[in-house]
PDB file of all heavy atoms in Angstrom:
ATOM      1  N   LEU A   1     184.477 227.699 -31.877  1.00  0.00           N
ATOM      2  CA  LEU A   1     184.416 227.844 -30.412  1.00  0.00           C
ATOM      3  C   LEU A   1     184.105 229.280 -30.015  1.00  0.00           C
ATOM      4  O   LEU A   1     183.356 229.523 -29.042  1.00  0.00           O
ATOM      5  CB  LEU A   1     185.742 227.409 -29.771  1.00  0.00           C
ATOM      6  CG  LEU A   1     185.971 225.901 -29.726  1.00  0.00           C
ATOM      7  CD1 LEU A   1     187.417 225.583 -29.333  1.00  0.00           C
ATOM      8  CD2 LEU A   1     185.013 225.273 -28.712  1.00  0.00           C
ATOM      9  N   LYS A   2     184.594 230.261 -30.827  1.00  0.00           N
ATOM     10  CA  LYS A   2     184.349 231.643 -30.481  1.00  0.00           C
ATOM     11  C   LYS A   2     182.866 231.982 -30.584  1.00  0.00           C
ATOM     12  O   LYS A   2     182.346 232.806 -29.812  1.00  0.00           O
ATOM     13  CB  LYS A   2     185.200 232.531 -31.378  1.00  0.00           C
ATOM     14  CG  LYS A   2     185.496 233.885 -30.737  1.00  0.00           C
ATOM     15  CD  LYS A   2     186.583 234.615 -31.502  1.00  0.00           C
ATOM     16  CE  LYS A   2     186.959 235.931 -30.784  1.00  0.00           C
ATOM     17  NZ  LYS A   2     188.001 236.679 -31.522  1.00  0.00           N
ATOM     18  N   TYR A   3     182.211 231.344 -31.511  1.00  0.00           N
ATOM     19  CA  TYR A   3     180.762 231.561 -31.670  1.00  0.00           C
ATOM     20  C   TYR A   3     180.015 231.104 -30.419  1.00  0.00           C
ATOM     21  O   TYR A   3     178.914 231.560 -30.113  1.00  0.00           O
ATOM     22  CB  TYR A   3     180.214 230.782 -32.854  1.00  0.00           C
ATOM     23  CG  TYR A   3     180.271 231.553 -34.153  1.00  0.00           C
ATOM     24  CD1 TYR A   3     181.003 231.097 -35.241  1.00  0.00           C
ATOM     25  CD2 TYR A   3     179.548 232.759 -34.309  1.00  0.00           C
ATOM     26  CE1 TYR A   3     181.045 231.781 -36.420  1.00  0.00           C
ATOM     27  CE2 TYR A   3     179.576 233.430 -35.481  1.00  0.00           C
ATOM     28  CZ  TYR A   3     180.322 232.943 -36.572  1.00  0.00           C
ATOM     29  OH  TYR A   3     180.353 233.645 -37.725  1.00  0.00           O
ATOM     30  N   THR A   4     180.598 230.178 -29.650  1.00  0.00           N
ATOM     31  CA  THR A   4     179.954 229.641 -28.449  1.00  0.00           C
ATOM     32  C   THR A   4     180.416 230.375 -27.172  1.00  0.00           C
ATOM     33  O   THR A   4     180.050 230.006 -26.056  1.00  0.00           O
ATOM     34  CB  THR A   4     180.248 228.140 -28.265  1.00  0.00           C
ATOM     35  OG1 THR A   4     181.608 227.957 -27.841  1.00  0.00           O
ATOM     36  CG2 THR A   4     180.021 227.375 -29.530  1.00  0.00           C
ATOM     37  N   GLY A   5     181.279 231.373 -27.366  1.00  0.00           N
ATOM     38  CA  GLY A   5     181.769 232.161 -26.212  1.00  0.00           C
ATOM     39  C   GLY A   5     183.020 231.585 -25.577  1.00  0.00           C
ATOM     40  O   GLY A   5     183.431 231.995 -24.499  1.00  0.00           O
ATOM     41  N   VAL A   6     183.707 230.660 -26.281  1.00  0.00           N
ATOM     42  CA  VAL A   6     184.896 230.067 -25.742  1.00  0.00           C
ATOM     43  C   VAL A   6     186.130 230.689 -26.404  1.00  0.00           C
ATOM     44  O   VAL A   6     186.240 230.676 -27.656  1.00  0.00           O
ATOM     45  CB  VAL A   6     184.939 228.532 -25.969  1.00  0.00           C
ATOM     46  CG1 VAL A   6     186.176 227.936 -25.389  1.00  0.00           C
ATOM     47  CG2 VAL A   6     183.699 227.899 -25.369  1.00  0.00           C
ATOM     48  N   GLN A   7     187.031 231.234 -25.596  1.00  0.00           N
ATOM     49  CA  GLN A   7     188.215 231.940 -26.080  1.00  0.00           C
ATOM     50  C   GLN A   7     189.478 231.107 -25.910  1.00  0.00           C
ATOM     51  O   GLN A   7     189.622 230.363 -24.945  1.00  0.00           O
ATOM     52  CB  GLN A   7     188.407 233.231 -25.335  1.00  0.00           C
ATOM     53  CG  GLN A   7     187.150 234.119 -25.276  1.00  0.00           C
ATOM     54  CD  GLN A   7     186.808 234.754 -26.595  1.00  0.00           C
ATOM     55  OE1 GLN A   7     187.736 235.031 -27.395  1.00  0.00           O
ATOM     56  NE2 GLN A   7     185.553 234.991 -26.854  1.00  0.00           N
ATOM     57  N   ALA A   8     190.404 231.219 -26.873  1.00  0.00           N
ATOM     58  CA  ALA A   8     191.675 230.537 -26.756  1.00  0.00           C
ATOM     59  C   ALA A   8     192.506 231.212 -25.679  1.00  0.00           C
ATOM     60  O   ALA A   8     192.568 232.439 -25.581  1.00  0.00           O
ATOM     61  CB  ALA A   8     192.456 230.602 -28.063  1.00  0.00           C
ATOM     62  N   GLU A   9     193.189 230.384 -24.827  1.00  0.00           N
ATOM     63  CA  GLU A   9     194.004 230.877 -23.737  1.00  0.00           C
ATOM     64  C   GLU A   9     195.396 230.235 -23.794  1.00  0.00           C
ATOM     65  O   GLU A   9     195.499 229.030 -23.912  1.00  0.00           O
ATOM     66  CB  GLU A   9     193.370 230.601 -22.372  1.00  0.00           C
ATOM     67  CG  GLU A   9     192.037 231.314 -22.241  1.00  0.00           C
ATOM     68  CD  GLU A   9     191.397 231.039 -20.863  1.00  0.00           C
ATOM     69  OE1 GLU A   9     190.743 229.990 -20.705  1.00  0.00           O
ATOM     70  OE2 GLU A   9     191.557 231.861 -19.942  1.00  0.00           O
ATOM     71  N   ASN A  10     196.434 231.069 -23.744  1.00  0.00           N
ATOM     72  CA  ASN A  10     197.797 230.568 -23.805  1.00  0.00           C
ATOM     73  C   ASN A  10     198.161 229.917 -22.458  1.00  0.00           C
ATOM     74  O   ASN A  10     197.991 230.492 -21.389  1.00  0.00           O
ATOM     75  CB  ASN A  10     198.770 231.709 -24.108  1.00  0.00           C
ATOM     76  CG  ASN A  10     200.118 231.169 -24.485  1.00  0.00           C
ATOM     77  OD1 ASN A  10     200.287 230.455 -25.476  1.00  0.00           O
ATOM     78  ND2 ASN A  10     201.164 231.567 -23.730  1.00  0.00           N
ATOM     79  N   ALA A  11     198.659 228.677 -22.508  1.00  0.00           N
ATOM     80  CA  ALA A  11     199.030 227.945 -21.311  1.00  0.00           C
ATOM     81  C   ALA A  11     200.465 228.250 -20.917  1.00  0.00           C
ATOM     82  O   ALA A  11     201.374 228.143 -21.736  1.00  0.00           O
ATOM     83  CB  ALA A  11     198.823 226.440 -21.545  1.00  0.00           C
ATOM     84  N   GLU A  12     200.650 228.614 -19.622  1.00  0.00           N
ATOM     85  CA  GLU A  12     201.979 228.975 -19.128  1.00  0.00           C
ATOM     86  C   GLU A  12     202.195 228.387 -17.729  1.00  0.00           C
ATOM     87  O   GLU A  12     201.270 228.009 -17.088  1.00  0.00           O
ATOM     88  CB  GLU A  12     202.083 230.498 -19.023  1.00  0.00           C
ATOM     89  CG  GLU A  12     201.822 231.229 -20.335  1.00  0.00           C
ATOM     90  CD  GLU A  12     201.587 232.727 -20.167  1.00  0.00           C
ATOM     91  OE1 GLU A  12     201.427 233.149 -18.991  1.00  0.00           O
ATOM     92  OE2 GLU A  12     201.544 233.458 -21.175  1.00  0.00           O
ATOM     93  N   ASP A  13     203.477 228.266 -17.360  1.00  0.00           N
ATOM     94  CA  ASP A  13     203.778 227.838 -16.022  1.00  0.00           C
ATOM     95  C   ASP A  13     203.673 229.036 -15.081  1.00  0.00           C
ATOM     96  O   ASP A  13     203.337 230.159 -15.493  1.00  0.00           O
ATOM     97  CB  ASP A  13     205.146 227.124 -15.932  1.00  0.00           C
ATOM     98  CG  ASP A  13     206.308 228.063 -16.225  1.00  0.00           C
ATOM     99  OD1 ASP A  13     206.122 229.298 -16.247  1.00  0.00           O
ATOM    100  OD2 ASP A  13     207.434 227.522 -16.416  1.00  0.00           O
ATOM    101  N   SER A  14     204.024 228.823 -13.803  1.00  0.00           N
ATOM    102  CA  SER A  14     203.890 229.880 -12.812  1.00  0.00           C
ATOM    103  C   SER A  14     204.894 231.033 -13.050  1.00  0.00           C
ATOM    104  O   SER A  14     204.747 232.109 -12.474  1.00  0.00           O
ATOM    105  CB  SER A  14     204.096 229.336 -11.386  1.00  0.00           C
ATOM    106  OG  SER A  14     205.370 228.697 -11.290  1.00  0.00           O
ATOM    107  N   GLU A  15     205.886 230.792 -13.911  1.00  0.00           N
ATOM    108  CA  GLU A  15     206.873 231.828 -14.228  1.00  0.00           C
ATOM    109  C   GLU A  15     206.559 232.434 -15.630  1.00  0.00           C
ATOM    110  O   GLU A  15     207.389 233.125 -16.216  1.00  0.00           O
ATOM    111  CB  GLU A  15     208.280 231.250 -14.233  1.00  0.00           C
ATOM    112  CG  GLU A  15     208.722 230.742 -12.873  1.00  0.00           C
ATOM    113  CD  GLU A  15     210.092 230.154 -12.870  1.00  0.00           C
ATOM    114  OE1 GLU A  15     210.695 230.028 -13.992  1.00  0.00           O
ATOM    115  OE2 GLU A  15     210.584 229.782 -11.795  1.00  0.00           O
ATOM    116  N   ARG A  16     205.348 232.134 -16.170  1.00  0.00           N
ATOM    117  CA  ARG A  16     204.878 232.679 -17.432  1.00  0.00           C
ATOM    118  C   ARG A  16     205.648 232.133 -18.661  1.00  0.00           C
ATOM    119  O   ARG A  16     205.722 232.783 -19.682  1.00  0.00           O
ATOM    120  CB  ARG A  16     204.856 234.188 -17.427  1.00  0.00           C
ATOM    121  CG  ARG A  16     204.005 234.809 -16.319  1.00  0.00           C
ATOM    122  CD  ARG A  16     203.861 236.275 -16.449  1.00  0.00           C
ATOM    123  NE  ARG A  16     202.919 236.620 -17.556  1.00  0.00           N
ATOM    124  CZ  ARG A  16     201.563 236.675 -17.410  1.00  0.00           C
ATOM    125  NH1 ARG A  16     201.050 236.433 -16.218  1.00  0.00           N
ATOM    126  NH2 ARG A  16     200.805 236.973 -18.419  1.00  0.00           N
ATOM    127  N   LYS A  17     206.269 230.965 -18.516  1.00  0.00           N
ATOM    128  CA  LYS A  17     206.905 230.331 -19.650  1.00  0.00           C
ATOM    129  C   LYS A  17     205.883 229.433 -20.358  1.00  0.00           C
ATOM    130  O   LYS A  17     205.042 228.789 -19.712  1.00  0.00           O
ATOM    131  CB  LYS A  17     208.098 229.461 -19.199  1.00  0.00           C
ATOM    132  CG  LYS A  17     209.276 230.230 -18.726  1.00  0.00           C
ATOM    133  CD  LYS A  17     210.410 229.277 -18.345  1.00  0.00           C
ATOM    134  CE  LYS A  17     211.640 230.013 -17.868  1.00  0.00           C
ATOM    135  NZ  LYS A  17     212.705 229.055 -17.495  1.00  0.00           N
ATOM    136  N   ASP A  18     205.955 229.377 -21.685  1.00  0.00           N
ATOM    137  CA  ASP A  18     205.061 228.506 -22.446  1.00  0.00           C
ATOM    138  C   ASP A  18     205.296 227.043 -22.065  1.00  0.00           C
ATOM    139  O   ASP A  18     206.467 226.641 -21.896  1.00  0.00           O
ATOM    140  CB  ASP A  18     205.281 228.673 -23.944  1.00  0.00           C
ATOM    141  CG  ASP A  18     204.814 230.047 -24.447  1.00  0.00           C
ATOM    142  OD1 ASP A  18     203.751 230.497 -24.002  1.00  0.00           O
ATOM    143  OD2 ASP A  18     205.492 230.609 -25.320  1.00  0.00           O
ATOM    144  N   ILE A  19     204.217 226.279 -21.945  1.00  0.00           N
ATOM    145  CA  ILE A  19     204.374 224.893 -21.636  1.00  0.00           C
ATOM    146  C   ILE A  19     203.918 223.948 -22.735  1.00  0.00           C
ATOM    147  O   ILE A  19     204.180 222.726 -22.695  1.00  0.00           O
ATOM    148  CB  ILE A  19     203.653 224.530 -20.324  1.00  0.00           C
ATOM    149  CG1 ILE A  19     202.198 225.028 -20.299  1.00  0.00           C
ATOM    150  CG2 ILE A  19     204.438 225.105 -19.127  1.00  0.00           C
ATOM    151  CD1 ILE A  19     201.444 224.731 -19.042  1.00  0.00           C
ATOM    152  N   PHE A  20     203.250 224.488 -23.728  1.00  0.00           N
ATOM    153  CA  PHE A  20     202.925 223.739 -24.973  1.00  0.00           C
ATOM    154  C   PHE A  20     203.853 224.235 -26.027  1.00  0.00           C
ATOM    155  O   PHE A  20     203.767 225.394 -26.439  1.00  0.00           O
ATOM    156  CB  PHE A  20     201.445 223.915 -25.373  1.00  0.00           C
ATOM    157  CG  PHE A  20     200.470 223.211 -24.496  1.00  0.00           C
ATOM    158  CD1 PHE A  20     200.081 223.741 -23.294  1.00  0.00           C
ATOM    159  CD2 PHE A  20     199.913 222.000 -24.877  1.00  0.00           C
ATOM    160  CE1 PHE A  20     199.170 223.088 -22.470  1.00  0.00           C
ATOM    161  CE2 PHE A  20     199.006 221.312 -24.093  1.00  0.00           C
ATOM    162  CZ  PHE A  20     198.611 221.864 -22.887  1.00  0.00           C
ATOM    163  N   ASN A  21     204.739 223.382 -26.531  1.00  0.00           N
ATOM    164  CA  ASN A  21     205.766 223.800 -27.498  1.00  0.00           C
ATOM    165  C   ASN A  21     205.477 223.303 -28.865  1.00  0.00           C
ATOM    166  O   ASN A  21     205.124 222.116 -29.044  1.00  0.00           O
ATOM    167  CB  ASN A  21     207.143 223.309 -27.048  1.00  0.00           C
ATOM    168  CG  ASN A  21     207.554 223.959 -25.700  1.00  0.00           C
ATOM    169  OD1 ASN A  21     207.841 225.131 -25.635  1.00  0.00           O
ATOM    170  ND2 ASN A  21     207.572 223.144 -24.644  1.00  0.00           N
ATOM    171  N   THR A  22     205.660 224.142 -29.888  1.00  0.00           N
ATOM    172  CA  THR A  22     205.392 223.741 -31.274  1.00  0.00           C
ATOM    173  C   THR A  22     206.693 223.397 -31.986  1.00  0.00           C
ATOM    174  O   THR A  22     206.695 223.240 -33.198  1.00  0.00           O
ATOM    175  CB  THR A  22     204.683 224.920 -32.036  1.00  0.00           C
ATOM    176  OG1 THR A  22     205.488 226.069 -31.909  1.00  0.00           O
ATOM    177  CG2 THR A  22     203.333 225.165 -31.418  1.00  0.00           C
ATOM    178  N   LYS A  23     207.789 223.222 -31.205  1.00  0.00           N
ATOM    179  CA  LYS A  23     209.050 222.811 -31.734  1.00  0.00           C
ATOM    180  C   LYS A  23     209.631 221.692 -30.879  1.00  0.00           C
ATOM    181  O   LYS A  23     209.167 221.425 -29.767  1.00  0.00           O
ATOM    182  CB  LYS A  23     210.057 223.977 -31.779  1.00  0.00           C
ATOM    183  CG  LYS A  23     209.607 225.117 -32.654  1.00  0.00           C
ATOM    184  CD  LYS A  23     210.584 226.273 -32.622  1.00  0.00           C
ATOM    185  CE  LYS A  23     210.107 227.431 -33.495  1.00  0.00           C
ATOM    186  NZ  LYS A  23     211.053 228.582 -33.460  1.00  0.00           N
ATOM    187  N   SER A  24     210.660 221.025 -31.388  1.00  0.00           N
ATOM    188  CA  SER A  24     211.322 219.955 -30.629  1.00  0.00           C
ATOM    189  C   SER A  24     212.247 220.524 -29.573  1.00  0.00           C
ATOM    190  O   SER A  24     212.609 221.729 -29.627  1.00  0.00           O
ATOM    191  CB  SER A  24     212.138 219.078 -31.580  1.00  0.00           C
ATOM    192  OG  SER A  24     213.216 219.795 -32.091  1.00  0.00           O
TER     193      SER A  24
END
């Protein structure tokens, strides 16, 4: 994706908390 100009972006709520969790 980076070769195409697409960058990874961290998803957060309006209070800057992570909303995609890698744990239970």
